[in-house]
Amino acid sequence: MNSGKPDEGGTEKLLEFFCRHLVALCITYRQVKSRIPVGDQIFSAYPGVVICIRGTCSFLTAGHALKDLTASLESGDIVVESAVLADTFGPDAISEKPIPFDLLNEPRFFIDDTEEGLDFGLIALRPYYVALLAKHGIKALFEENWIAQHRVKFDAYAMLGLPEEFVSYEKDGPEIVGKVSPTMILVKAIDIPPEGTKRTIYPRFIGKLDENLPFSSVVGMSGGPIFGFRYGPPTAYWVVAIQSRWLKSQRVVFACPLPVLAELLTTWIDVLSKSGDFQSFGTEERNEDSKKRV
């Protein structure tokens, strides 16, 4: 539960307040043909949050997005020329510069299963990155955020992300500099899946978007947090889900509930810990390596 309140100042301040939870993996890359990078640089941004389970923190985003990125990397279809963690959207950022990120060498995990209703992915974060994110005031998600959500009656919901149509870039010599615009919109939770969709093994958050959105598509918001609000007293909010996909024709969004994915991740991490196969989520050796990098 979070009970902090934004300072007075209208919509912009409100958005900035909730951006304390928003981190974006931003990459610039080139297409590869015959093992040679070709064409101009391309910029992409993947919104997400930081989640901490069993003492290990990770960047949490949409599974299908991380799956597609991983497939392109492993097939050699693209070459990443820079990667950063953008954590400068909140009110406590002390710099406008994002954190250079060693994307290619950090452990990744994802699941994208339509039948099960699971769509989330993780990139493990070394303590070095966690410390830098904390300096910018990024608020990570801990067990207290999801453990008791089933007892909360939410009054409203909103989703936060980086709509693709608001993403741009400009030339800086031979390089490009990407720009993103965090956007937060209200979403109305619905209980019955829309016509033409099947129920999934695991529950999903399903929401209806307003007809008068200030943009035409929520493409690019996958991986961003969905907040649930209880008006109180006291007024409080929780991150309740991670945005997954949407049906444009029906203006319906689907998201993976945080309690569902967190419970699964906790179980998997415990199993890996007992088996000794814990590399995917960080080890003492990785922690020592991160100290050397600092």
Protein backbone atom coordinates (compact mmCIF):
# COMPACT_ATOMS: atom_id res chain seq x y z
CA MET A 1 0.00 0.00 0.00
CA ASN A 2 1.14 3.53 -0.73
CA SER A 3 -0.44 6.46 1.06
CA GLY A 4 1.83 9.28 -0.09
CA LYS A 5 0.12 12.22 -1.75
CA PRO A 6 1.42 14.38 -4.60
CA ASP A 7 2.17 18.04 -4.05
CA GLU A 8 -0.34 20.56 -5.27
CA GLY A 9 0.19 21.62 -8.87
CA GLY A 10 -2.34 19.89 -11.08
CA THR A 11 -2.08 17.12 -13.64
CA GLU A 12 1.63 17.47 -14.35
CA LYS A 13 2.56 17.11 -10.69
CA LEU A 14 0.18 14.17 -10.31
CA LEU A 15 1.79 12.36 -13.24
CA GLU A 16 5.25 13.08 -11.90
CA PHE A 17 4.27 11.65 -8.52
CA PHE A 18 3.23 8.28 -9.95
CA CYS A 19 6.28 8.21 -12.21
CA ARG A 20 8.24 7.39 -9.07
CA HIS A 21 7.34 3.82 -10.00
CA LEU A 22 8.20 4.05 -13.70
CA VAL A 23 11.47 2.86 -15.24
CA ALA A 24 12.05 2.46 -18.98
CA LEU A 25 14.54 0.22 -20.71
CA CYS A 26 15.58 2.31 -23.72
CA ILE A 27 17.73 0.94 -26.51
CA THR A 28 19.15 2.17 -29.78
CA TYR A 29 19.96 -0.48 -32.33
CA ARG A 30 20.48 -1.24 -36.01
CA GLN A 31 19.12 -3.95 -38.25
CA VAL A 32 21.66 -6.56 -39.30
CA LYS A 33 22.04 -8.07 -42.78
CA SER A 34 24.76 -10.58 -43.60
CA ARG A 35 26.18 -9.92 -40.13
CA ILE A 36 26.68 -6.23 -40.89
CA PRO A 37 24.71 -3.43 -39.20
CA VAL A 38 22.80 -1.45 -41.82
CA GLY A 39 20.55 1.60 -41.98
CA ASP A 40 19.93 4.29 -39.40
CA GLN A 41 19.75 3.75 -35.69
CA ILE A 42 16.33 2.81 -34.29
CA PHE A 43 15.06 3.74 -30.84
CA SER A 44 12.71 1.67 -28.68
CA ALA A 45 11.46 2.08 -25.11
CA TYR A 46 10.08 -0.62 -22.81
CA PRO A 47 8.24 0.66 -19.70
CA GLY A 48 8.33 -1.28 -16.47
CA VAL A 49 8.78 -1.20 -12.71
CA VAL A 50 11.31 -2.50 -10.20
CA ILE A 51 10.17 -5.50 -8.15
CA CYS A 52 12.06 -7.05 -5.22
CA ILE A 53 11.47 -10.67 -4.22
CA ARG A 54 13.52 -12.65 -1.70
CA GLY A 55 16.10 -9.87 -1.56
CA THR A 56 16.69 -9.70 -5.30
CA CYS A 57 15.49 -6.77 -7.40
CA SER A 58 14.59 -6.97 -11.07
CA PHE A 59 13.21 -4.84 -13.86
CA LEU A 60 9.67 -6.11 -14.50
CA THR A 61 7.99 -5.54 -17.87
CA ALA A 62 5.73 -7.29 -20.38
CA GLY A 63 6.77 -10.83 -21.23
CA HIS A 64 5.91 -10.59 -24.93
CA ALA A 65 8.05 -7.47 -25.31
CA LEU A 66 11.06 -9.08 -23.64
CA LYS A 67 10.52 -12.27 -25.66
CA ASP A 68 10.54 -10.39 -28.96
CA LEU A 69 13.63 -8.41 -27.97
CA THR A 70 15.46 -11.57 -26.88
CA ALA A 71 14.53 -13.36 -30.11
CA SER A 72 15.91 -10.50 -32.20
CA LEU A 73 19.13 -10.46 -30.18
CA GLU A 74 19.67 -14.22 -30.31
CA SER A 75 18.92 -14.48 -34.02
CA GLY A 76 21.37 -11.69 -34.83
CA ASP A 77 18.66 -9.64 -36.56
CA ILE A 78 19.66 -6.55 -34.58
CA VAL A 79 22.72 -5.20 -32.82
CA VAL A 80 22.19 -3.03 -29.75
CA GLU A 81 24.46 0.02 -29.78
CA SER A 82 23.32 1.51 -26.48
CA ALA A 83 20.99 0.60 -23.64
CA VAL A 84 19.94 2.66 -20.63
CA LEU A 85 17.51 2.52 -17.73
CA ALA A 86 15.56 5.77 -17.83
CA ASP A 87 14.57 6.69 -14.29
CA THR A 88 14.21 10.45 -14.60
CA PHE A 89 10.43 10.80 -14.75
CA GLY A 90 9.70 11.24 -11.05
CA PRO A 91 9.89 14.28 -8.75
CA ASP A 92 13.06 13.15 -6.94
CA ALA A 93 15.35 12.61 -9.94
CA ILE A 94 18.71 14.28 -9.35
CA SER A 95 19.88 14.10 -12.96
CA GLU A 96 18.38 14.06 -16.43
CA LYS A 97 20.83 11.40 -17.55
CA PRO A 98 19.63 7.78 -17.60
CA ILE A 99 21.70 4.87 -16.31
CA PRO A 100 23.89 3.04 -18.88
CA PHE A 101 22.79 -0.59 -18.75
CA ASP A 102 24.64 -3.79 -19.65
CA LEU A 103 21.59 -5.37 -21.29
CA LEU A 104 23.36 -8.17 -23.13
CA ASN A 105 25.03 -9.61 -20.03
CA GLU A 106 22.18 -9.40 -17.53
CA PRO A 107 20.04 -12.51 -16.85
CA ARG A 108 16.57 -12.38 -18.42
CA PHE A 109 13.42 -14.42 -17.87
CA PHE A 110 10.03 -14.14 -19.54
CA ILE A 111 6.76 -15.96 -19.99
CA ASP A 112 4.16 -15.18 -22.64
CA ASP A 113 1.37 -17.74 -22.57
CA THR A 114 -2.04 -16.68 -23.88
CA GLU A 115 -3.80 -19.82 -22.60
CA GLU A 116 -2.47 -19.39 -19.07
CA GLY A 117 -2.96 -15.63 -19.14
CA LEU A 118 0.63 -14.92 -18.13
CA ASP A 119 2.67 -12.18 -19.77
CA PHE A 120 5.60 -10.80 -17.80
CA GLY A 121 9.37 -10.72 -17.95
CA LEU A 122 12.28 -9.89 -15.68
CA ILE A 123 15.81 -8.60 -16.09
CA ALA A 124 17.88 -9.09 -12.95
CA LEU A 125 19.40 -5.91 -11.52
CA ARG A 126 22.76 -5.90 -9.82
CA PRO A 127 23.02 -3.92 -6.56
CA TYR A 128 24.94 -1.28 -8.52
CA TYR A 129 21.85 -0.49 -10.63
CA VAL A 130 19.47 -0.76 -7.68
CA ALA A 131 21.47 1.85 -5.76
CA LEU A 132 21.44 4.26 -8.69
CA LEU A 133 17.70 3.83 -9.21
CA ALA A 134 17.11 4.51 -5.52
CA LYS A 135 19.11 7.75 -5.76
CA HIS A 136 16.58 8.98 -8.31
CA GLY A 137 13.73 8.18 -5.98
CA ILE A 138 12.43 5.11 -7.81
CA LYS A 139 9.95 3.25 -5.61
CA ALA A 140 10.38 -0.49 -5.94
CA LEU A 141 7.58 -2.99 -5.30
CA PHE A 142 7.90 -5.28 -2.28
CA GLU A 143 5.70 -8.04 -0.87
CA GLU A 144 3.73 -5.54 1.21
CA ASN A 145 2.41 -4.08 -2.06
CA TRP A 146 0.67 -7.26 -3.23
CA ILE A 147 0.25 -9.61 -0.27
CA ALA A 148 -3.09 -8.20 0.93
CA GLN A 149 -4.57 -6.79 -2.27
CA HIS A 150 -7.30 -9.43 -2.27
CA ARG A 151 -8.81 -7.67 0.75
CA VAL A 152 -8.94 -4.23 -0.88
CA LYS A 153 -12.02 -2.90 -2.64
CA PHE A 154 -10.68 -0.56 -5.30
CA ASP A 155 -12.57 2.55 -6.34
CA ALA A 156 -10.69 3.38 -9.55
CA TYR A 157 -7.82 2.30 -11.78
CA ALA A 158 -5.28 4.02 -14.02
CA MET A 159 -2.49 2.80 -16.28
CA LEU A 160 0.89 4.44 -16.80
CA GLY A 161 3.21 3.93 -19.74
CA LEU A 162 4.92 5.29 -22.82
CA PRO A 163 2.55 5.40 -25.82
CA GLU A 164 4.47 4.66 -28.99
CA GLU A 165 2.95 7.58 -30.86
CA PHE A 166 4.52 9.96 -28.31
CA VAL A 167 8.00 8.45 -28.72
CA SER A 168 10.40 10.47 -30.86
CA TYR A 169 14.09 10.96 -31.39
CA GLU A 170 16.46 13.57 -32.74
CA LYS A 171 19.88 13.41 -34.35
CA ASP A 172 22.95 14.16 -32.24
CA GLY A 173 25.74 13.81 -34.77
CA PRO A 174 25.89 10.17 -35.91
CA GLU A 175 23.81 9.10 -32.91
CA ILE A 176 20.13 9.54 -32.09
CA VAL A 177 18.63 10.67 -28.79
CA GLY A 178 15.26 9.15 -27.98
CA LYS A 179 12.47 10.99 -26.20
CA VAL A 180 9.49 9.47 -24.42
CA SER A 181 6.40 10.99 -22.82
CA PRO A 182 4.98 9.18 -19.77
CA THR A 183 1.19 9.13 -19.97
CA MET A 184 -1.41 8.10 -17.40
CA ILE A 185 -5.01 7.27 -18.29
CA LEU A 186 -8.04 6.01 -16.40
CA VAL A 187 -9.29 2.49 -17.05
CA LYS A 188 -12.52 0.88 -15.84
CA ALA A 189 -12.21 -2.69 -14.58
CA ILE A 190 -14.64 -5.22 -16.06
CA ASP A 191 -15.40 -8.72 -14.77
CA ILE A 192 -16.49 -10.51 -17.93
CA PRO A 193 -14.02 -11.08 -20.80
CA PRO A 194 -15.13 -9.37 -24.01
CA GLU A 195 -16.80 -11.38 -26.72
CA GLY A 196 -14.39 -13.50 -28.70
CA THR A 197 -11.85 -13.98 -25.90
CA LYS A 198 -11.38 -17.08 -23.78
CA ARG A 199 -10.99 -17.35 -20.06
CA THR A 200 -7.44 -18.08 -18.98
CA ILE A 201 -6.02 -20.46 -16.40
CA TYR A 202 -4.75 -17.58 -14.29
CA PRO A 203 -6.93 -14.51 -13.73
CA ARG A 204 -6.21 -11.36 -15.69
CA PHE A 205 -7.01 -7.75 -15.04
CA ILE A 206 -9.39 -6.64 -17.79
CA GLY A 207 -10.22 -2.99 -18.28
CA LYS A 208 -12.19 -0.74 -20.60
CA LEU A 209 -10.62 2.45 -21.91
CA ASP A 210 -12.44 5.72 -22.31
CA GLU A 211 -13.65 6.59 -25.79
CA ASN A 212 -11.99 10.02 -25.63
CA LEU A 213 -8.34 9.13 -25.14
CA PRO A 214 -5.83 11.87 -26.07
CA PHE A 215 -4.12 9.39 -28.42
CA SER A 216 -5.18 6.66 -30.82
CA SER A 217 -3.38 3.59 -29.47
CA VAL A 218 -1.94 2.23 -26.21
CA VAL A 219 0.78 0.38 -28.13
CA GLY A 220 3.99 1.09 -26.24
CA MET A 221 2.35 0.99 -22.80
CA SER A 222 2.86 -2.77 -22.39
CA GLY A 223 4.92 -3.43 -19.28
CA GLY A 224 3.77 -0.27 -17.54
CA PRO A 225 2.01 -0.42 -14.15
CA ILE A 226 -1.73 -0.33 -13.55
CA PHE A 227 -2.63 1.39 -10.30
CA GLY A 228 -5.63 0.63 -8.11
CA PHE A 229 -6.99 3.41 -5.89
CA ARG A 230 -8.97 3.29 -2.68
CA TYR A 231 -10.37 6.69 -1.83
CA GLY A 232 -10.43 5.98 1.88
CA PRO A 233 -10.10 7.48 4.29
CA PRO A 234 -7.19 7.33 4.08
CA THR A 235 -6.66 7.56 0.32
CA ALA A 236 -4.19 4.93 -0.85
CA TYR A 237 -3.01 3.20 -4.01
CA TRP A 238 -1.34 -0.03 -5.06
CA VAL A 239 0.33 -1.26 -8.24
CA VAL A 240 -2.16 -4.00 -9.11
CA ALA A 241 -1.06 -5.28 -12.53
CA ILE A 242 1.41 -5.03 -15.42
CA GLN A 243 -0.09 -4.02 -18.75
CA SER A 244 -0.04 -6.77 -21.37
CA ARG A 245 -2.14 -6.40 -24.54
CA TRP A 246 -5.25 -4.68 -25.84
CA LEU A 247 -8.14 -5.17 -28.24
CA LYS A 248 -8.20 -1.97 -30.23
CA SER A 249 -11.63 -2.63 -31.75
CA GLN A 250 -13.21 -2.93 -28.30
CA ARG A 251 -10.85 -0.58 -26.44
CA VAL A 252 -10.18 -3.31 -23.87
CA VAL A 253 -6.84 -3.87 -22.13
CA PHE A 254 -5.52 -7.02 -20.48
CA ALA A 255 -2.92 -7.08 -17.72
CA CYS A 256 -1.18 -9.61 -15.50
CA PRO A 257 -2.15 -9.07 -11.83
CA LEU A 258 0.80 -8.34 -9.59
CA PRO A 259 -0.29 -10.78 -6.85
CA VAL A 260 -0.44 -13.59 -9.44
CA LEU A 261 2.96 -12.99 -11.01
CA ALA A 262 4.63 -12.23 -7.68
CA GLU A 263 3.36 -15.46 -6.10
CA LEU A 264 4.60 -17.47 -9.09
CA LEU A 265 7.98 -15.75 -9.07
CA THR A 266 8.40 -16.29 -5.34
CA THR A 267 7.68 -20.01 -5.74
CA TRP A 268 10.06 -20.36 -8.69
CA ILE A 269 12.83 -18.46 -6.91
CA ASP A 270 12.45 -20.66 -3.82
CA VAL A 271 12.69 -23.79 -5.96
CA LEU A 272 15.76 -22.49 -7.77
CA SER A 273 17.38 -21.54 -4.48
CA LYS A 274 16.92 -25.03 -3.06
CA SER A 275 18.24 -26.67 -6.22
CA GLY A 276 21.27 -24.41 -6.33
CA ASP A 277 20.34 -23.19 -9.81
CA PHE A 278 19.81 -19.57 -8.90
CA GLN A 279 21.89 -17.83 -11.56
CA SER A 280 18.91 -16.34 -13.33
CA PHE A 281 18.04 -14.20 -10.33
CA GLY A 282 21.47 -13.22 -8.96
CA THR A 283 24.18 -14.94 -6.91
CA GLU A 284 26.89 -13.95 -4.49
CA GLU A 285 29.36 -14.02 -7.38
CA ARG A 286 27.24 -11.49 -9.29
CA ASN A 287 27.01 -9.31 -6.20
CA GLU A 288 30.77 -9.33 -5.82
CA ASP A 289 31.14 -8.46 -9.50
CA SER A 290 28.80 -5.50 -9.12
CA LYS A 291 30.94 -4.17 -6.25
CA LYS A 292 33.93 -4.20 -8.55
CA ARG A 293 32.01 -2.19 -11.15
CA VAL A 294 31.11 0.52 -8.64
